[in-house]
N, C-alpha and C. Protein backbone atom coordinates (compact mmCIF):
# COMPACT_ATOMS: atom_id res chain seq x y z
N UNK A 1 154.56 17.22 183.96
CA UNK A 1 155.39 16.08 184.19
C UNK A 1 155.05 15.02 183.25
N UNK A 2 156.04 14.23 182.83
CA UNK A 2 155.85 13.19 181.89
C UNK A 2 155.70 11.85 182.58
N UNK A 3 155.38 10.84 181.82
CA UNK A 3 155.23 9.46 182.36
C UNK A 3 156.55 8.93 182.91
N UNK A 4 157.64 9.41 182.45
CA UNK A 4 158.96 8.93 182.92
C UNK A 4 159.33 9.44 184.32
N UNK A 5 158.53 10.40 184.83
CA UNK A 5 158.81 10.94 186.17
C UNK A 5 158.26 9.96 187.28
N UNK A 6 157.56 8.97 186.92
CA UNK A 6 157.00 8.10 187.93
C UNK A 6 158.05 7.21 188.55
N UNK A 7 157.85 6.82 189.81
CA UNK A 7 158.81 5.98 190.49
C UNK A 7 158.30 4.58 190.54
N UNK A 8 159.18 3.57 190.20
CA UNK A 8 158.78 2.17 190.29
C UNK A 8 159.32 1.68 191.59
N UNK A 9 158.43 1.15 192.38
CA UNK A 9 158.80 0.57 193.70
C UNK A 9 158.83 -0.93 193.60
N UNK A 10 159.94 -1.57 193.97
CA UNK A 10 160.17 -2.92 193.84
C UNK A 10 159.88 -3.58 195.20
N UNK A 11 158.86 -4.33 195.45
CA UNK A 11 158.63 -4.90 196.80
C UNK A 11 159.60 -6.00 197.12
N UNK A 12 159.72 -6.30 198.42
CA UNK A 12 160.71 -7.33 198.84
C UNK A 12 160.15 -8.66 198.90
N UNK A 13 158.81 -8.84 199.08
CA UNK A 13 158.25 -10.18 199.36
C UNK A 13 157.31 -10.71 198.25
N UNK A 14 157.59 -10.52 196.95
CA UNK A 14 156.91 -11.12 195.93
C UNK A 14 155.58 -10.50 195.45
N UNK A 15 155.23 -9.32 196.01
CA UNK A 15 154.04 -8.65 195.55
C UNK A 15 154.38 -8.08 194.21
N UNK A 16 153.33 -7.76 193.38
CA UNK A 16 153.63 -7.09 192.09
C UNK A 16 154.24 -5.65 192.34
N UNK A 17 155.01 -5.17 191.34
CA UNK A 17 155.64 -3.87 191.49
C UNK A 17 154.55 -2.86 191.56
N UNK A 18 154.84 -1.83 192.31
CA UNK A 18 153.89 -0.72 192.49
C UNK A 18 154.58 0.54 191.94
N UNK A 19 153.87 1.32 191.20
CA UNK A 19 154.47 2.53 190.70
C UNK A 19 153.72 3.70 191.34
N UNK A 20 154.41 4.58 191.89
CA UNK A 20 153.92 5.75 192.56
C UNK A 20 154.41 7.00 191.82
N UNK A 21 153.54 7.80 191.37
CA UNK A 21 153.97 8.95 190.58
C UNK A 21 153.31 10.22 191.13
N UNK A 22 153.89 11.37 190.75
CA UNK A 22 153.37 12.59 191.18
C UNK A 22 152.10 13.04 190.44
N UNK A 23 151.74 12.30 189.35
CA UNK A 23 150.63 12.66 188.54
C UNK A 23 149.22 12.51 189.26
N UNK A 24 149.03 11.41 189.90
CA UNK A 24 147.74 11.09 190.46
C UNK A 24 147.92 10.62 191.88
N UNK A 25 147.84 11.42 192.87
CA UNK A 25 148.06 11.01 194.20
C UNK A 25 147.00 10.06 194.76
N UNK A 26 145.79 10.08 194.07
CA UNK A 26 144.62 9.19 194.60
C UNK A 26 145.08 7.74 194.36
N UNK A 27 145.76 7.43 193.27
CA UNK A 27 146.15 6.06 193.00
C UNK A 27 147.51 5.84 193.55
N UNK A 28 147.65 5.50 194.79
CA UNK A 28 148.93 5.25 195.39
C UNK A 28 149.32 3.76 195.24
N UNK A 29 148.36 2.94 195.19
CA UNK A 29 148.63 1.50 195.07
C UNK A 29 147.85 0.93 193.92
N UNK A 30 148.58 0.37 192.93
CA UNK A 30 147.98 -0.26 191.76
C UNK A 30 148.72 -1.58 191.59
N UNK A 31 147.98 -2.62 191.39
CA UNK A 31 148.64 -3.96 191.24
C UNK A 31 148.86 -4.29 189.72
N UNK A 32 148.62 -3.37 188.91
CA UNK A 32 148.93 -3.44 187.43
C UNK A 32 148.41 -4.76 186.77
N UNK A 33 147.11 -4.93 186.96
CA UNK A 33 146.51 -6.14 186.40
C UNK A 33 146.18 -6.02 184.86
N UNK A 34 146.04 -4.79 184.37
CA UNK A 34 145.69 -4.47 183.02
C UNK A 34 146.91 -3.77 182.30
N UNK A 35 147.70 -4.52 181.60
CA UNK A 35 148.88 -3.96 181.00
C UNK A 35 148.82 -3.91 179.46
N UNK A 36 149.51 -3.05 178.88
CA UNK A 36 149.67 -3.08 177.49
C UNK A 36 151.16 -2.63 177.11
N UNK A 37 151.56 -3.14 175.93
CA UNK A 37 152.96 -2.94 175.55
C UNK A 37 152.95 -1.86 174.43
N UNK A 38 153.80 -0.83 174.68
CA UNK A 38 153.96 0.22 173.61
C UNK A 38 155.19 -0.34 172.81
N UNK A 39 154.91 -0.91 171.62
CA UNK A 39 156.01 -1.51 170.87
C UNK A 39 157.02 -0.49 170.33
N UNK A 40 156.49 0.64 169.89
CA UNK A 40 157.46 1.62 169.36
C UNK A 40 158.44 2.10 170.40
N UNK A 41 157.96 2.32 171.65
CA UNK A 41 158.81 2.77 172.73
C UNK A 41 159.47 1.62 173.50
N UNK A 42 159.01 0.41 173.30
CA UNK A 42 159.50 -0.80 173.96
C UNK A 42 159.39 -0.60 175.54
N UNK A 43 158.14 -0.35 175.97
CA UNK A 43 157.90 -0.31 177.36
C UNK A 43 156.51 -0.82 177.63
N UNK A 44 156.29 -1.17 178.94
CA UNK A 44 155.03 -1.74 179.37
C UNK A 44 154.32 -0.64 180.24
N UNK A 45 153.05 -0.46 179.95
CA UNK A 45 152.33 0.61 180.61
C UNK A 45 151.01 -0.05 181.22
N UNK A 46 150.68 0.43 182.45
CA UNK A 46 149.49 -0.05 183.13
C UNK A 46 148.28 0.75 182.54
N UNK A 47 147.25 0.09 182.19
CA UNK A 47 146.03 0.79 181.68
C UNK A 47 145.27 1.51 182.74
N UNK A 48 145.36 0.96 184.04
CA UNK A 48 144.63 1.57 185.12
C UNK A 48 145.21 2.89 185.61
N UNK A 49 146.47 2.85 185.88
CA UNK A 49 147.13 4.03 186.46
C UNK A 49 148.05 4.77 185.51
N UNK A 50 148.20 4.32 184.26
CA UNK A 50 149.02 4.89 183.19
C UNK A 50 150.49 5.05 183.57
N UNK A 51 150.97 4.14 184.38
CA UNK A 51 152.37 4.19 184.80
C UNK A 51 153.18 3.22 184.01
N UNK A 52 154.48 3.52 183.88
CA UNK A 52 155.44 2.70 183.21
C UNK A 52 155.92 1.57 184.16
N UNK A 53 155.82 0.33 183.69
CA UNK A 53 156.22 -0.86 184.56
C UNK A 53 157.50 -1.43 184.05
N UNK A 54 158.34 -1.85 184.95
CA UNK A 54 159.63 -2.50 184.55
C UNK A 54 159.27 -3.80 183.84
N UNK A 55 159.73 -4.02 182.62
CA UNK A 55 159.41 -5.20 181.83
C UNK A 55 159.80 -6.50 182.52
N UNK A 56 160.99 -6.49 183.13
CA UNK A 56 161.49 -7.69 183.81
C UNK A 56 160.52 -8.11 184.92
N UNK A 57 159.96 -7.15 185.69
CA UNK A 57 159.05 -7.46 186.75
C UNK A 57 157.80 -8.10 186.23
N UNK A 58 157.29 -7.66 185.05
CA UNK A 58 156.18 -8.19 184.47
C UNK A 58 156.37 -9.63 184.00
N UNK A 59 157.51 -9.89 183.35
CA UNK A 59 157.89 -11.21 182.97
C UNK A 59 158.00 -12.12 184.19
N UNK A 60 158.67 -11.65 185.25
CA UNK A 60 158.83 -12.43 186.49
C UNK A 60 157.45 -12.83 187.09
N UNK A 61 156.52 -11.79 187.11
CA UNK A 61 155.24 -12.10 187.68
C UNK A 61 154.45 -13.06 186.82
N UNK A 62 154.54 -13.02 185.56
CA UNK A 62 153.88 -14.01 184.60
C UNK A 62 154.47 -15.38 184.86
N UNK A 63 155.76 -15.48 184.99
CA UNK A 63 156.42 -16.81 185.22
C UNK A 63 156.00 -17.41 186.56
N UNK A 64 155.91 -16.50 187.58
CA UNK A 64 155.43 -17.06 188.85
C UNK A 64 153.98 -17.46 188.79
N UNK A 65 153.14 -16.74 188.15
CA UNK A 65 151.74 -17.16 187.93
C UNK A 65 151.63 -18.42 187.09
N UNK A 66 152.47 -18.56 186.11
CA UNK A 66 152.40 -19.74 185.35
C UNK A 66 152.88 -21.01 186.08
N UNK A 67 153.90 -20.84 186.90
CA UNK A 67 154.48 -21.97 187.71
C UNK A 67 153.38 -22.39 188.69
N UNK A 68 152.75 -21.39 189.31
CA UNK A 68 151.68 -21.67 190.29
C UNK A 68 150.52 -22.39 189.60
N UNK A 69 150.13 -21.91 188.44
CA UNK A 69 148.99 -22.59 187.72
C UNK A 69 149.35 -24.01 187.38
N UNK A 70 150.54 -24.28 186.91
CA UNK A 70 150.91 -25.64 186.60
C UNK A 70 151.05 -26.46 187.86
N UNK A 71 151.48 -25.92 188.94
CA UNK A 71 151.53 -26.71 190.20
C UNK A 71 150.09 -27.02 190.60
N UNK A 72 149.13 -26.13 190.48
CA UNK A 72 147.74 -26.38 190.86
C UNK A 72 147.19 -27.47 189.98
N UNK A 73 147.48 -27.39 188.65
CA UNK A 73 147.02 -28.49 187.78
C UNK A 73 147.54 -29.79 188.20
N UNK A 74 148.79 -29.89 188.63
CA UNK A 74 149.42 -31.15 189.06
C UNK A 74 148.71 -31.59 190.33
N UNK A 75 148.40 -30.69 191.22
CA UNK A 75 147.73 -31.09 192.49
C UNK A 75 146.36 -31.55 192.20
N UNK A 76 145.63 -30.95 191.27
CA UNK A 76 144.30 -31.37 190.94
C UNK A 76 144.31 -32.78 190.39
N UNK A 77 145.27 -33.07 189.51
CA UNK A 77 145.44 -34.42 188.88
C UNK A 77 145.68 -35.48 189.96
N UNK A 78 146.57 -35.10 190.90
CA UNK A 78 146.93 -36.12 191.98
C UNK A 78 145.71 -36.32 192.83
N UNK A 79 144.91 -35.27 193.14
CA UNK A 79 143.73 -35.51 194.04
C UNK A 79 142.64 -36.31 193.28
N UNK A 80 142.56 -36.09 191.97
CA UNK A 80 141.62 -36.94 191.21
C UNK A 80 142.00 -38.38 191.21
N UNK A 81 143.32 -38.62 191.12
CA UNK A 81 143.79 -39.99 191.15
C UNK A 81 143.52 -40.65 192.51
N UNK A 82 143.71 -39.85 193.59
CA UNK A 82 143.49 -40.32 194.89
C UNK A 82 142.04 -40.66 195.10
N UNK A 83 141.12 -39.83 194.66
CA UNK A 83 139.67 -40.02 194.77
C UNK A 83 139.33 -41.33 194.04
N UNK A 84 139.86 -41.51 192.80
CA UNK A 84 139.51 -42.70 192.02
C UNK A 84 140.00 -43.93 192.77
N UNK A 85 141.23 -43.85 193.35
CA UNK A 85 141.76 -45.04 194.14
C UNK A 85 140.85 -45.31 195.32
N UNK A 86 140.37 -44.28 196.03
CA UNK A 86 139.57 -44.48 197.15
C UNK A 86 138.20 -45.07 196.73
N UNK A 87 137.63 -44.60 195.61
CA UNK A 87 136.38 -45.21 195.10
C UNK A 87 136.55 -46.70 194.78
N UNK A 88 137.64 -47.04 194.18
CA UNK A 88 137.88 -48.45 193.87
C UNK A 88 138.06 -49.29 195.14
N UNK A 89 138.75 -48.69 196.18
CA UNK A 89 138.93 -49.37 197.47
C UNK A 89 137.50 -49.53 198.09
N UNK A 90 136.68 -48.52 198.08
CA UNK A 90 135.36 -48.66 198.59
C UNK A 90 134.60 -49.74 197.90
N UNK A 91 134.61 -49.90 196.62
CA UNK A 91 133.91 -50.87 195.89
C UNK A 91 134.48 -52.30 196.30
N UNK A 92 135.84 -52.42 196.44
CA UNK A 92 136.38 -53.70 196.93
C UNK A 92 135.83 -54.06 198.31
N UNK A 93 135.84 -53.08 199.16
CA UNK A 93 135.44 -53.37 200.53
C UNK A 93 133.94 -53.79 200.57
N UNK A 94 133.08 -53.07 199.90
CA UNK A 94 131.66 -53.37 199.84
C UNK A 94 131.48 -54.77 199.25
N UNK A 95 132.22 -55.07 198.23
CA UNK A 95 132.15 -56.48 197.70
C UNK A 95 132.52 -57.53 198.66
N UNK A 96 133.64 -57.26 199.40
CA UNK A 96 134.03 -58.23 200.40
C UNK A 96 132.97 -58.41 201.47
N UNK A 97 132.37 -57.25 201.91
CA UNK A 97 131.34 -57.31 202.92
C UNK A 97 130.10 -58.16 202.36
N UNK A 98 129.74 -57.90 201.10
CA UNK A 98 128.58 -58.57 200.60
C UNK A 98 128.91 -60.10 200.50
N UNK A 99 130.07 -60.43 199.97
CA UNK A 99 130.45 -61.81 199.84
C UNK A 99 130.62 -62.52 201.19
N UNK A 100 131.10 -61.73 202.18
CA UNK A 100 131.35 -62.35 203.50
C UNK A 100 130.03 -62.67 204.21
N UNK A 101 129.02 -61.78 203.98
CA UNK A 101 127.73 -62.00 204.66
C UNK A 101 126.93 -63.12 203.97
N UNK A 102 127.19 -63.33 202.63
CA UNK A 102 126.50 -64.45 201.97
C UNK A 102 127.06 -65.77 202.37
N UNK A 103 128.24 -65.85 202.79
CA UNK A 103 128.88 -67.17 203.14
C UNK A 103 128.56 -67.59 204.53
N UNK A 104 127.87 -66.81 205.39
CA UNK A 104 127.57 -67.20 206.69
C UNK A 104 126.20 -67.88 206.73
N UNK A 105 126.18 -68.99 207.36
CA UNK A 105 124.88 -69.73 207.42
C UNK A 105 123.96 -69.15 208.51
N UNK A 106 122.66 -69.08 208.32
CA UNK A 106 121.81 -68.41 209.31
C UNK A 106 121.83 -69.20 210.63
N UNK A 107 121.96 -70.49 210.53
CA UNK A 107 121.95 -71.23 211.83
C UNK A 107 123.19 -70.93 212.62
N UNK A 108 124.28 -70.54 211.98
CA UNK A 108 125.53 -70.17 212.69
C UNK A 108 125.32 -68.82 213.36
N UNK A 109 124.57 -67.93 212.69
CA UNK A 109 124.33 -66.57 213.21
C UNK A 109 123.47 -66.76 214.48
N UNK A 110 122.51 -67.63 214.37
CA UNK A 110 121.58 -67.81 215.58
C UNK A 110 122.37 -68.40 216.73
N UNK A 111 123.28 -69.34 216.41
CA UNK A 111 124.08 -70.01 217.49
C UNK A 111 124.91 -68.96 218.20
N UNK A 112 125.54 -68.05 217.37
CA UNK A 112 126.44 -67.07 218.04
C UNK A 112 125.54 -66.07 218.82
N UNK A 113 124.39 -65.72 218.31
CA UNK A 113 123.47 -64.85 219.04
C UNK A 113 123.06 -65.44 220.37
N UNK A 114 122.67 -66.70 220.33
CA UNK A 114 122.30 -67.37 221.60
C UNK A 114 123.46 -67.47 222.55
N UNK A 115 124.63 -67.74 222.04
CA UNK A 115 125.86 -67.81 222.91
C UNK A 115 126.12 -66.41 223.52
N UNK A 116 125.97 -65.35 222.76
CA UNK A 116 126.19 -64.04 223.26
C UNK A 116 125.18 -63.66 224.35
N UNK A 117 123.92 -64.00 224.12
CA UNK A 117 122.90 -63.72 225.14
C UNK A 117 123.15 -64.52 226.43
N UNK A 118 123.61 -65.72 226.24
CA UNK A 118 123.95 -66.57 227.47
C UNK A 118 125.14 -65.91 228.25
N UNK A 119 126.15 -65.46 227.56
CA UNK A 119 127.31 -64.82 228.17
C UNK A 119 126.88 -63.52 228.86
N UNK A 120 125.95 -62.78 228.26
CA UNK A 120 125.53 -61.56 228.88
C UNK A 120 124.70 -61.80 230.13
N UNK A 121 123.96 -63.00 230.07
CA UNK A 121 123.20 -63.30 231.27
C UNK A 121 124.06 -63.70 232.45
N UNK A 122 125.21 -64.22 232.19
CA UNK A 122 126.17 -64.67 233.23
C UNK A 122 127.17 -63.63 233.70
N UNK A 123 127.07 -62.38 233.24
CA UNK A 123 128.00 -61.41 233.57
C UNK A 123 127.79 -60.93 235.05
N UNK A 124 128.92 -60.90 235.77
CA UNK A 124 128.87 -60.46 237.20
C UNK A 124 129.67 -59.20 237.46
N UNK A 125 130.72 -58.95 236.74
CA UNK A 125 131.53 -57.73 236.96
C UNK A 125 131.78 -56.99 235.64
N UNK A 126 132.37 -55.82 235.83
CA UNK A 126 132.64 -55.03 234.65
C UNK A 126 133.67 -55.71 233.68
N UNK A 127 134.59 -56.40 234.30
CA UNK A 127 135.64 -57.13 233.49
C UNK A 127 134.94 -58.24 232.62
N UNK A 128 133.95 -58.88 233.23
CA UNK A 128 133.26 -59.89 232.43
C UNK A 128 132.50 -59.19 231.28
N UNK A 129 131.83 -58.10 231.61
CA UNK A 129 131.09 -57.39 230.52
C UNK A 129 132.02 -56.90 229.38
N UNK A 130 133.25 -56.49 229.83
CA UNK A 130 134.28 -56.08 228.85
C UNK A 130 134.71 -57.26 228.00
N UNK A 131 134.85 -58.45 228.61
CA UNK A 131 135.26 -59.63 227.86
C UNK A 131 134.17 -60.06 226.89
N UNK A 132 132.92 -59.89 227.25
CA UNK A 132 131.83 -60.24 226.35
C UNK A 132 131.73 -59.27 225.18
N UNK A 133 131.90 -57.98 225.51
CA UNK A 133 131.96 -56.97 224.40
C UNK A 133 133.10 -57.20 223.50
N UNK A 134 134.30 -57.62 223.97
CA UNK A 134 135.36 -57.93 223.20
C UNK A 134 135.10 -59.11 222.30
N UNK A 135 134.47 -60.13 222.81
CA UNK A 135 134.07 -61.37 222.03
C UNK A 135 133.06 -60.99 221.00
N UNK A 136 132.13 -60.05 221.34
CA UNK A 136 131.09 -59.66 220.50
C UNK A 136 131.59 -58.93 219.16
N UNK A 137 132.79 -58.27 219.29
CA UNK A 137 133.27 -57.54 218.11
C UNK A 137 133.62 -58.46 216.93
N UNK A 138 133.84 -59.74 217.23
CA UNK A 138 134.15 -60.66 216.15
C UNK A 138 132.96 -60.99 215.24
N UNK A 139 131.73 -60.61 215.77
CA UNK A 139 130.52 -61.03 215.04
C UNK A 139 129.72 -59.76 214.77
N UNK A 140 129.77 -59.25 213.60
CA UNK A 140 129.06 -57.99 213.30
C UNK A 140 127.94 -58.13 212.25
N UNK A 141 127.50 -59.40 212.03
CA UNK A 141 126.50 -59.67 211.00
C UNK A 141 125.14 -59.95 211.57
N UNK A 142 124.84 -59.46 212.75
CA UNK A 142 123.57 -59.68 213.30
C UNK A 142 122.51 -58.83 212.65
N UNK A 143 121.26 -59.29 212.70
CA UNK A 143 120.14 -58.53 212.11
C UNK A 143 119.85 -57.39 212.99
N UNK A 144 119.08 -56.37 212.54
CA UNK A 144 118.79 -55.27 213.41
C UNK A 144 117.95 -55.60 214.65
N UNK A 145 117.09 -56.62 214.44
CA UNK A 145 116.38 -57.03 215.65
C UNK A 145 117.29 -57.71 216.75
N UNK A 146 118.19 -58.54 216.22
CA UNK A 146 119.13 -59.14 217.17
C UNK A 146 120.09 -58.13 217.77
N UNK A 147 120.45 -57.13 217.04
CA UNK A 147 121.32 -56.05 217.56
C UNK A 147 120.57 -55.33 218.67
N UNK A 148 119.26 -55.07 218.42
CA UNK A 148 118.48 -54.32 219.49
C UNK A 148 118.35 -55.21 220.71
N UNK A 149 118.14 -56.53 220.51
CA UNK A 149 118.01 -57.39 221.69
C UNK A 149 119.35 -57.50 222.48
N UNK A 150 120.43 -57.48 221.76
CA UNK A 150 121.73 -57.47 222.40
C UNK A 150 121.98 -56.16 223.22
N UNK A 151 121.51 -55.06 222.68
CA UNK A 151 121.62 -53.76 223.37
C UNK A 151 120.85 -53.83 224.69
N UNK A 152 119.60 -54.33 224.61
CA UNK A 152 118.81 -54.46 225.80
C UNK A 152 119.52 -55.40 226.86
N UNK A 153 120.01 -56.49 226.36
CA UNK A 153 120.77 -57.40 227.27
C UNK A 153 121.99 -56.79 227.89
N UNK A 154 122.62 -55.97 227.14
CA UNK A 154 123.87 -55.33 227.63
C UNK A 154 123.50 -54.32 228.72
N UNK A 155 122.45 -53.54 228.55
CA UNK A 155 121.97 -52.55 229.52
C UNK A 155 121.49 -53.27 230.74
N UNK A 156 120.87 -54.38 230.59
CA UNK A 156 120.37 -55.15 231.79
C UNK A 156 121.54 -55.68 232.53
N UNK A 157 122.60 -56.14 231.85
CA UNK A 157 123.75 -56.67 232.50
C UNK A 157 124.46 -55.58 233.27
N UNK A 158 124.54 -54.31 232.69
CA UNK A 158 125.20 -53.22 233.38
C UNK A 158 124.40 -52.87 234.63
N UNK A 159 123.10 -52.84 234.55
CA UNK A 159 122.29 -52.56 235.77
C UNK A 159 122.44 -53.60 236.76
N UNK A 160 122.51 -54.88 236.41
CA UNK A 160 122.75 -55.94 237.41
C UNK A 160 124.10 -55.76 238.06
N UNK A 161 125.15 -55.39 237.32
CA UNK A 161 126.42 -55.15 237.94
C UNK A 161 126.35 -54.03 238.92
N UNK A 162 125.64 -52.90 238.61
CA UNK A 162 125.56 -51.80 239.50
C UNK A 162 124.78 -52.10 240.75
N UNK A 163 123.70 -53.00 240.61
CA UNK A 163 122.88 -53.38 241.76
C UNK A 163 123.73 -54.24 242.66
N UNK A 164 124.49 -55.20 242.17
CA UNK A 164 125.36 -55.97 243.02
C UNK A 164 126.43 -55.17 243.70
N UNK A 165 126.94 -54.16 243.01
CA UNK A 165 127.95 -53.31 243.61
C UNK A 165 127.31 -52.46 244.70
N UNK A 166 125.97 -52.14 244.58
CA UNK A 166 125.33 -51.31 245.57
C UNK A 166 125.22 -52.03 246.93
N UNK A 167 125.16 -53.38 246.85
CA UNK A 167 125.11 -54.16 248.13
C UNK A 167 126.49 -54.11 248.81
N UNK A 168 127.59 -54.01 248.07
CA UNK A 168 128.86 -53.99 248.69
C UNK A 168 129.28 -52.55 249.09
N UNK A 169 128.74 -51.54 248.35
CA UNK A 169 129.24 -50.20 248.70
C UNK A 169 128.20 -49.19 248.15
N UNK A 170 128.65 -48.20 247.46
CA UNK A 170 127.86 -47.13 246.98
C UNK A 170 127.03 -47.56 245.79
N UNK A 171 125.75 -47.18 245.68
CA UNK A 171 124.91 -47.41 244.46
C UNK A 171 125.04 -46.26 243.58
N UNK A 172 125.39 -46.54 242.34
CA UNK A 172 125.61 -45.47 241.40
C UNK A 172 124.36 -45.14 240.52
N UNK A 173 123.33 -45.87 240.70
CA UNK A 173 122.16 -45.57 239.93
C UNK A 173 121.43 -44.31 240.49
N UNK A 174 120.73 -43.68 239.62
CA UNK A 174 120.05 -42.40 240.04
C UNK A 174 118.68 -42.74 240.63
N UNK A 175 118.43 -42.18 241.76
CA UNK A 175 117.13 -42.34 242.34
C UNK A 175 116.25 -41.10 242.11
N UNK A 176 115.06 -41.20 241.67
CA UNK A 176 114.19 -40.06 241.38
C UNK A 176 113.40 -39.84 242.67
N UNK A 177 113.46 -38.58 243.12
CA UNK A 177 112.70 -38.15 244.32
C UNK A 177 111.49 -37.35 243.76
N UNK A 178 110.27 -37.85 244.10
CA UNK A 178 109.09 -37.19 243.66
C UNK A 178 108.97 -35.89 244.39
N UNK A 179 108.66 -34.83 243.59
CA UNK A 179 108.46 -33.51 244.13
C UNK A 179 109.78 -32.83 244.52
N UNK A 180 110.91 -33.41 244.15
CA UNK A 180 112.19 -32.79 244.50
C UNK A 180 112.54 -31.54 243.80
N UNK A 181 111.87 -31.30 242.66
CA UNK A 181 112.19 -30.10 241.85
C UNK A 181 111.34 -28.84 242.35
N UNK A 182 110.53 -29.01 243.38
CA UNK A 182 109.73 -27.88 243.79
C UNK A 182 110.41 -27.04 244.83
């Protein structure tokens, strides 16, 4: 049998053409990645399976691969521009934060801290605590020590609310029973 006896199968969904021939039944599927052109016979032959490939299918596959590669290049360029824009935005925001913290006087920070502690000390209900937390979100320039003190004051206020609720109804705090795990 000659090479012209092979059958070229044209797939429906964009896969590369598959040639199936009676010469070599072991190679039923070849994606024809290694091609060479026989110029004197004007045909394209696969180096792997030695089958003749339709030249138009080869050109179509190359065109599809080229368009996909150019699309990927375009996507890479767009993503790089987005990353650069985000880095510039990050620098602008960091600069604004630095400049914003420099403009606040320490005595003003201490006054707001004292006011917040006083408000937490006067909390009686969950809605009061929610209002204090809402007011607290306006001031985020506290030092780590002040932030830790505010956290302790908030926990204390929550416990105080739960204790006062326990007098009216059910106590939600956990009671530890010694020897209860035995």
